[in-house]
N, C-alpha and C. Protein backbone atom coordinates (compact mmCIF):
# COMPACT_ATOMS: atom_id res chain seq x y z
N UNK A 1 79.14 28.65 29.83
CA UNK A 1 78.34 29.71 29.23
C UNK A 1 76.94 29.67 29.83
N UNK A 2 76.44 30.85 30.23
CA UNK A 2 75.12 30.94 30.85
C UNK A 2 74.03 30.86 29.79
N UNK A 3 72.90 30.29 30.22
CA UNK A 3 71.73 30.23 29.35
C UNK A 3 71.05 31.59 29.36
N UNK A 4 71.06 32.27 28.24
CA UNK A 4 70.47 33.60 28.14
C UNK A 4 69.07 33.46 27.55
N UNK A 5 68.09 33.99 28.29
CA UNK A 5 66.70 33.95 27.82
C UNK A 5 66.31 35.33 27.35
N UNK A 6 65.71 35.38 26.20
CA UNK A 6 65.24 36.65 25.67
C UNK A 6 63.85 36.92 26.25
N UNK A 7 63.70 38.10 26.84
CA UNK A 7 62.41 38.49 27.40
C UNK A 7 61.61 39.18 26.31
N UNK A 8 60.45 38.64 26.04
CA UNK A 8 59.59 39.20 25.01
C UNK A 8 58.53 40.06 25.68
N UNK A 9 58.51 41.32 25.32
CA UNK A 9 57.54 42.26 25.85
C UNK A 9 56.38 42.36 24.87
N UNK A 10 55.15 42.16 25.33
CA UNK A 10 54.00 42.28 24.42
C UNK A 10 53.90 43.69 23.84
N UNK A 11 53.47 43.77 22.60
CA UNK A 11 53.24 45.06 21.95
C UNK A 11 51.91 45.65 22.46
N UNK A 12 51.71 46.93 22.18
CA UNK A 12 50.43 47.56 22.55
C UNK A 12 49.27 46.84 21.87
N UNK A 13 49.46 46.45 20.64
CA UNK A 13 48.40 45.73 19.90
C UNK A 13 48.08 44.40 20.59
N UNK A 14 49.09 43.67 21.01
CA UNK A 14 48.86 42.39 21.69
C UNK A 14 48.18 42.61 23.05
N UNK A 15 48.56 43.67 23.74
CA UNK A 15 47.92 43.98 25.02
C UNK A 15 46.45 44.30 24.80
N UNK A 16 46.18 45.10 23.79
CA UNK A 16 44.80 45.46 23.49
C UNK A 16 43.97 44.23 23.13
N UNK A 17 44.52 43.34 22.34
CA UNK A 17 43.80 42.11 21.99
C UNK A 17 43.51 41.30 23.24
N UNK A 18 44.48 41.21 24.15
CA UNK A 18 44.28 40.47 25.39
C UNK A 18 43.19 41.11 26.24
N UNK A 19 43.15 42.44 26.27
CA UNK A 19 42.11 43.14 27.03
C UNK A 19 40.73 42.79 26.46
N UNK A 20 40.59 42.79 25.14
CA UNK A 20 39.28 42.49 24.56
C UNK A 20 38.91 41.01 24.70
N UNK A 21 39.87 40.13 24.70
CA UNK A 21 39.58 38.72 24.98
C UNK A 21 39.10 38.58 26.42
N UNK A 22 39.75 39.28 27.34
CA UNK A 22 39.36 39.25 28.74
C UNK A 22 37.96 39.86 28.93
N UNK A 23 37.67 40.99 28.27
CA UNK A 23 36.35 41.61 28.43
C UNK A 23 35.25 40.68 27.92
N UNK A 24 35.54 39.98 26.85
CA UNK A 24 34.56 39.01 26.32
C UNK A 24 34.30 37.91 27.35
N UNK A 25 35.37 37.40 27.95
CA UNK A 25 35.24 36.34 28.96
C UNK A 25 34.53 36.83 30.22
N UNK A 26 34.68 38.11 30.55
CA UNK A 26 34.11 38.66 31.79
C UNK A 26 32.75 39.33 31.59
N UNK A 27 32.21 39.25 30.38
CA UNK A 27 30.97 39.99 30.10
C UNK A 27 29.74 39.44 30.84
N UNK A 28 29.81 38.24 31.35
CA UNK A 28 28.69 37.75 32.17
C UNK A 28 28.71 38.42 33.54
N UNK A 29 29.91 38.56 34.09
CA UNK A 29 30.05 39.22 35.39
C UNK A 29 29.82 40.72 35.26
N UNK A 30 30.35 41.30 34.20
CA UNK A 30 30.22 42.74 33.94
C UNK A 30 29.61 42.94 32.55
N UNK A 31 28.28 42.87 32.41
CA UNK A 31 27.65 42.99 31.09
C UNK A 31 27.98 44.30 30.37
N UNK A 32 28.27 45.36 31.14
CA UNK A 32 28.59 46.64 30.53
C UNK A 32 29.88 46.62 29.72
N UNK A 33 30.71 45.60 29.90
CA UNK A 33 31.95 45.49 29.12
C UNK A 33 31.67 45.33 27.62
N UNK A 34 30.46 44.92 27.28
CA UNK A 34 30.10 44.80 25.86
C UNK A 34 30.11 46.15 25.16
N UNK A 35 30.08 47.24 25.94
CA UNK A 35 30.10 48.58 25.36
C UNK A 35 31.51 49.13 25.13
N UNK A 36 32.55 48.43 25.62
CA UNK A 36 33.91 48.92 25.44
C UNK A 36 34.30 48.85 23.97
N UNK A 37 35.01 49.89 23.52
CA UNK A 37 35.47 49.91 22.13
C UNK A 37 36.83 50.57 22.00
N UNK A 38 37.46 50.32 20.87
CA UNK A 38 38.78 50.87 20.54
C UNK A 38 38.62 52.12 19.69
N UNK A 39 39.43 53.11 19.95
CA UNK A 39 39.45 54.34 19.16
C UNK A 39 40.70 54.28 18.28
N UNK A 40 40.54 54.01 16.99
CA UNK A 40 41.71 53.74 16.12
C UNK A 40 42.40 55.01 15.63
N UNK A 41 43.05 55.73 16.54
CA UNK A 41 43.73 56.96 16.17
C UNK A 41 45.22 56.78 15.89
N UNK A 42 45.84 55.74 16.40
CA UNK A 42 47.30 55.71 16.44
C UNK A 42 48.04 55.06 15.31
N UNK A 43 47.40 54.67 14.24
CA UNK A 43 48.11 53.98 13.18
C UNK A 43 48.93 54.93 12.32
N UNK A 44 49.99 54.38 11.71
CA UNK A 44 50.80 55.15 10.77
C UNK A 44 50.04 55.27 9.46
N UNK A 45 50.05 56.49 8.91
CA UNK A 45 49.32 56.74 7.67
C UNK A 45 50.17 57.63 6.78
N UNK A 46 49.87 57.58 5.47
CA UNK A 46 50.56 58.52 4.60
C UNK A 46 49.97 59.91 4.81
N UNK A 47 50.65 60.94 4.30
CA UNK A 47 50.26 62.34 4.57
C UNK A 47 48.86 62.67 4.05
N UNK A 48 48.49 62.14 2.91
CA UNK A 48 47.17 62.45 2.33
C UNK A 48 46.06 61.86 3.20
N UNK A 49 46.20 60.60 3.56
CA UNK A 49 45.18 59.96 4.40
C UNK A 49 45.12 60.63 5.77
N UNK A 50 46.28 60.97 6.34
CA UNK A 50 46.31 61.65 7.63
C UNK A 50 45.57 62.99 7.57
N UNK A 51 45.74 63.73 6.48
CA UNK A 51 45.05 65.02 6.32
C UNK A 51 43.53 64.82 6.22
N UNK A 52 43.10 63.79 5.48
CA UNK A 52 41.66 63.49 5.38
C UNK A 52 41.09 63.15 6.76
N UNK A 53 41.78 62.29 7.48
CA UNK A 53 41.29 61.87 8.79
C UNK A 53 41.27 63.03 9.79
N UNK A 54 42.25 63.91 9.71
CA UNK A 54 42.26 65.08 10.59
C UNK A 54 41.05 65.96 10.33
N UNK A 55 40.70 66.15 9.05
CA UNK A 55 39.52 66.95 8.72
C UNK A 55 38.23 66.26 9.18
N UNK A 56 38.28 64.93 9.31
CA UNK A 56 37.11 64.18 9.75
C UNK A 56 37.03 64.05 11.27
N UNK A 57 37.99 64.61 11.98
CA UNK A 57 37.90 64.64 13.43
C UNK A 57 38.88 63.79 14.20
N UNK A 58 39.79 63.10 13.55
CA UNK A 58 40.79 62.33 14.27
C UNK A 58 41.68 63.31 15.02
N UNK A 59 41.94 63.03 16.30
CA UNK A 59 42.73 63.92 17.15
C UNK A 59 43.90 63.16 17.76
N UNK A 60 45.07 63.75 17.68
CA UNK A 60 46.27 63.15 18.28
C UNK A 60 46.11 63.09 19.79
N UNK A 61 46.47 61.96 20.37
CA UNK A 61 46.49 61.83 21.82
C UNK A 61 45.26 61.21 22.44
N UNK A 62 44.19 61.01 21.67
CA UNK A 62 42.98 60.40 22.23
C UNK A 62 43.33 58.99 22.72
N UNK A 63 42.90 58.63 23.94
CA UNK A 63 43.21 57.30 24.46
C UNK A 63 42.69 56.16 23.57
N UNK A 64 43.27 54.99 23.76
CA UNK A 64 42.98 53.82 22.92
C UNK A 64 41.60 53.22 23.12
N UNK A 65 41.15 53.17 24.38
CA UNK A 65 39.91 52.45 24.70
C UNK A 65 38.93 53.35 25.43
N UNK A 66 37.67 53.10 25.19
CA UNK A 66 36.61 53.83 25.88
C UNK A 66 35.56 52.85 26.37
N UNK A 67 35.15 53.03 27.62
CA UNK A 67 34.02 52.30 28.19
C UNK A 67 32.99 53.36 28.58
N UNK A 68 31.96 53.56 27.73
CA UNK A 68 31.00 54.65 27.97
C UNK A 68 29.92 54.25 28.98
N UNK A 69 30.38 53.97 30.19
CA UNK A 69 29.51 53.52 31.27
C UNK A 69 29.83 54.34 32.51
N UNK A 70 28.84 54.98 33.10
CA UNK A 70 29.05 55.73 34.33
C UNK A 70 29.32 54.78 35.48
N UNK A 71 30.22 55.20 36.36
CA UNK A 71 30.53 54.41 37.55
C UNK A 71 31.04 55.34 38.64
N UNK A 72 30.45 55.24 39.83
CA UNK A 72 30.85 56.14 40.90
C UNK A 72 30.61 57.58 40.47
N UNK A 73 31.62 58.41 40.58
CA UNK A 73 31.48 59.82 40.21
C UNK A 73 31.89 60.11 38.78
N UNK A 74 32.20 59.08 38.00
CA UNK A 74 32.72 59.27 36.64
C UNK A 74 31.66 59.00 35.57
N UNK A 75 31.79 59.72 34.46
CA UNK A 75 30.88 59.57 33.32
C UNK A 75 31.24 58.37 32.46
N UNK A 76 32.50 57.96 32.44
CA UNK A 76 32.98 56.87 31.61
C UNK A 76 34.46 56.68 31.85
N UNK A 77 35.03 55.65 31.21
CA UNK A 77 36.42 55.27 31.40
C UNK A 77 37.17 55.32 30.08
N UNK A 78 38.34 55.94 30.09
CA UNK A 78 39.27 55.93 28.95
C UNK A 78 40.59 55.34 29.40
N UNK A 79 41.15 54.47 28.57
CA UNK A 79 42.45 53.88 28.86
C UNK A 79 43.41 54.09 27.70
N UNK A 80 44.59 54.53 28.02
CA UNK A 80 45.70 54.59 27.06
C UNK A 80 46.59 53.39 27.39
N UNK A 81 46.71 52.47 26.46
CA UNK A 81 47.51 51.28 26.68
C UNK A 81 48.93 51.49 26.19
N UNK A 82 49.87 51.03 26.99
CA UNK A 82 51.28 51.10 26.64
C UNK A 82 51.94 49.75 26.95
N UNK A 83 52.94 49.43 26.14
CA UNK A 83 53.75 48.27 26.50
C UNK A 83 54.59 48.68 27.71
N UNK A 84 55.24 47.73 28.32
CA UNK A 84 56.04 48.04 29.50
C UNK A 84 57.15 49.04 29.19
N UNK A 85 57.56 49.10 27.94
CA UNK A 85 58.62 50.03 27.53
C UNK A 85 58.05 51.26 26.82
N UNK A 86 56.73 51.36 26.73
CA UNK A 86 56.09 52.44 26.01
C UNK A 86 56.25 53.79 26.70
N UNK A 87 56.17 54.84 25.90
CA UNK A 87 56.29 56.20 26.42
C UNK A 87 55.04 56.99 26.07
N UNK A 88 54.61 57.79 27.01
CA UNK A 88 53.45 58.63 26.82
C UNK A 88 53.85 59.90 26.06
N UNK A 89 53.07 60.24 25.04
CA UNK A 89 53.33 61.46 24.28
C UNK A 89 52.66 62.64 24.99
N UNK A 90 53.17 63.83 24.73
CA UNK A 90 52.59 65.03 25.34
C UNK A 90 51.11 65.17 25.02
N UNK A 91 50.73 64.89 23.77
CA UNK A 91 49.31 65.00 23.39
C UNK A 91 48.45 64.02 24.18
N UNK A 92 48.99 62.86 24.52
CA UNK A 92 48.25 61.88 25.32
C UNK A 92 48.09 62.37 26.76
N UNK A 93 49.14 62.97 27.30
CA UNK A 93 49.05 63.54 28.66
C UNK A 93 47.95 64.60 28.72
N UNK A 94 47.90 65.45 27.71
CA UNK A 94 46.90 66.52 27.68
C UNK A 94 45.50 65.94 27.64
N UNK A 95 45.26 64.96 26.76
CA UNK A 95 43.93 64.34 26.66
C UNK A 95 43.52 63.70 27.98
N UNK A 96 44.42 62.96 28.60
CA UNK A 96 44.09 62.29 29.86
C UNK A 96 43.75 63.32 30.93
N UNK A 97 44.53 64.36 31.02
CA UNK A 97 44.26 65.42 31.99
C UNK A 97 42.92 66.10 31.71
N UNK A 98 42.68 66.45 30.46
CA UNK A 98 41.43 67.12 30.10
C UNK A 98 40.21 66.23 30.33
N UNK A 99 40.33 64.95 30.03
CA UNK A 99 39.22 64.02 30.28
C UNK A 99 38.92 63.91 31.77
N UNK A 100 39.98 63.84 32.57
CA UNK A 100 39.78 63.79 34.03
C UNK A 100 39.08 65.04 34.52
N UNK A 101 39.44 66.21 33.99
CA UNK A 101 38.79 67.46 34.39
C UNK A 101 37.32 67.49 34.02
N UNK A 102 36.93 66.75 32.99
CA UNK A 102 35.54 66.72 32.53
C UNK A 102 34.71 65.63 33.21
N UNK A 103 35.28 64.95 34.19
CA UNK A 103 34.51 63.95 34.94
C UNK A 103 34.63 62.53 34.43
N UNK A 104 35.64 62.27 33.61
CA UNK A 104 35.91 60.91 33.14
C UNK A 104 37.10 60.35 33.91
N UNK A 105 37.10 59.05 34.07
CA UNK A 105 38.29 58.38 34.60
C UNK A 105 39.16 58.07 33.38
N UNK A 106 40.37 58.57 33.37
CA UNK A 106 41.28 58.35 32.24
C UNK A 106 42.65 58.00 32.80
N UNK A 107 43.17 56.85 32.35
CA UNK A 107 44.42 56.32 32.90
C UNK A 107 45.34 55.82 31.80
N UNK A 108 46.61 55.77 32.14
CA UNK A 108 47.60 55.09 31.31
C UNK A 108 47.85 53.74 31.97
N UNK A 109 47.79 52.68 31.19
CA UNK A 109 48.02 51.33 31.72
C UNK A 109 49.19 50.71 30.97
N UNK A 110 50.20 50.30 31.73
CA UNK A 110 51.37 49.66 31.17
C UNK A 110 51.19 48.15 31.30
N UNK A 111 50.70 47.53 30.23
CA UNK A 111 50.51 46.09 30.21
C UNK A 111 49.08 45.67 30.52
N UNK A 112 48.82 44.41 30.24
CA UNK A 112 47.48 43.83 30.41
C UNK A 112 47.01 43.88 31.85
N UNK A 113 47.87 43.52 32.79
CA UNK A 113 47.45 43.44 34.19
C UNK A 113 46.97 44.79 34.72
N UNK A 114 47.68 45.86 34.37
CA UNK A 114 47.25 47.19 34.82
C UNK A 114 45.90 47.56 34.19
N UNK A 115 45.71 47.22 32.92
CA UNK A 115 44.44 47.53 32.25
C UNK A 115 43.29 46.77 32.90
N UNK A 116 43.49 45.50 33.12
CA UNK A 116 42.45 44.66 33.75
C UNK A 116 42.10 45.20 35.14
N UNK A 117 43.10 45.52 35.92
CA UNK A 117 42.87 46.05 37.27
C UNK A 117 42.12 47.38 37.21
N UNK A 118 42.51 48.27 36.30
CA UNK A 118 41.85 49.56 36.17
C UNK A 118 40.38 49.39 35.80
N UNK A 119 40.09 48.48 34.89
CA UNK A 119 38.70 48.25 34.47
C UNK A 119 37.88 47.69 35.62
N UNK A 120 38.41 46.69 36.31
CA UNK A 120 37.66 46.09 37.42
C UNK A 120 37.41 47.10 38.54
N UNK A 121 38.42 47.87 38.90
CA UNK A 121 38.23 48.89 39.94
C UNK A 121 37.20 49.91 39.51
N UNK A 122 37.26 50.31 38.26
CA UNK A 122 36.30 51.29 37.75
C UNK A 122 34.88 50.75 37.85
N UNK A 123 34.67 49.52 37.41
CA UNK A 123 33.33 48.94 37.42
C UNK A 123 32.81 48.70 38.84
N UNK A 124 33.71 48.58 39.79
CA UNK A 124 33.29 48.43 41.20
C UNK A 124 33.14 49.79 41.88
N UNK A 125 33.32 50.87 41.11
CA UNK A 125 33.12 52.20 41.64
C UNK A 125 34.26 52.72 42.50
N UNK A 126 35.46 52.17 42.29
CA UNK A 126 36.61 52.58 43.12
C UNK A 126 37.60 53.39 42.31
């Protein structure tokens, strides 16, 4: 009988936590990382709370992370984090496209490594 190993894929929440742990560790090299924040739009809510939040400006599809720092030709960076098995919703595609049209760098990152690479390239103006 073969030894079967279960592959554990990190959740989006775990990826996001890893990104913020990494940004904290890299904040000496890139002090502007202290400005990165999470946009808490994606949680499951009951209908009443969802209606209140919608009236307060919560929008479906807004990316998970924002780095409000200009770099190169961009005004700021937005990242939508996905697990390796995650799927992009239509509303997320629209937001990313619209943000790019407005002069922001907006990307979908599948996993921690893609997010880290996107942030570093952005901060180096690439």
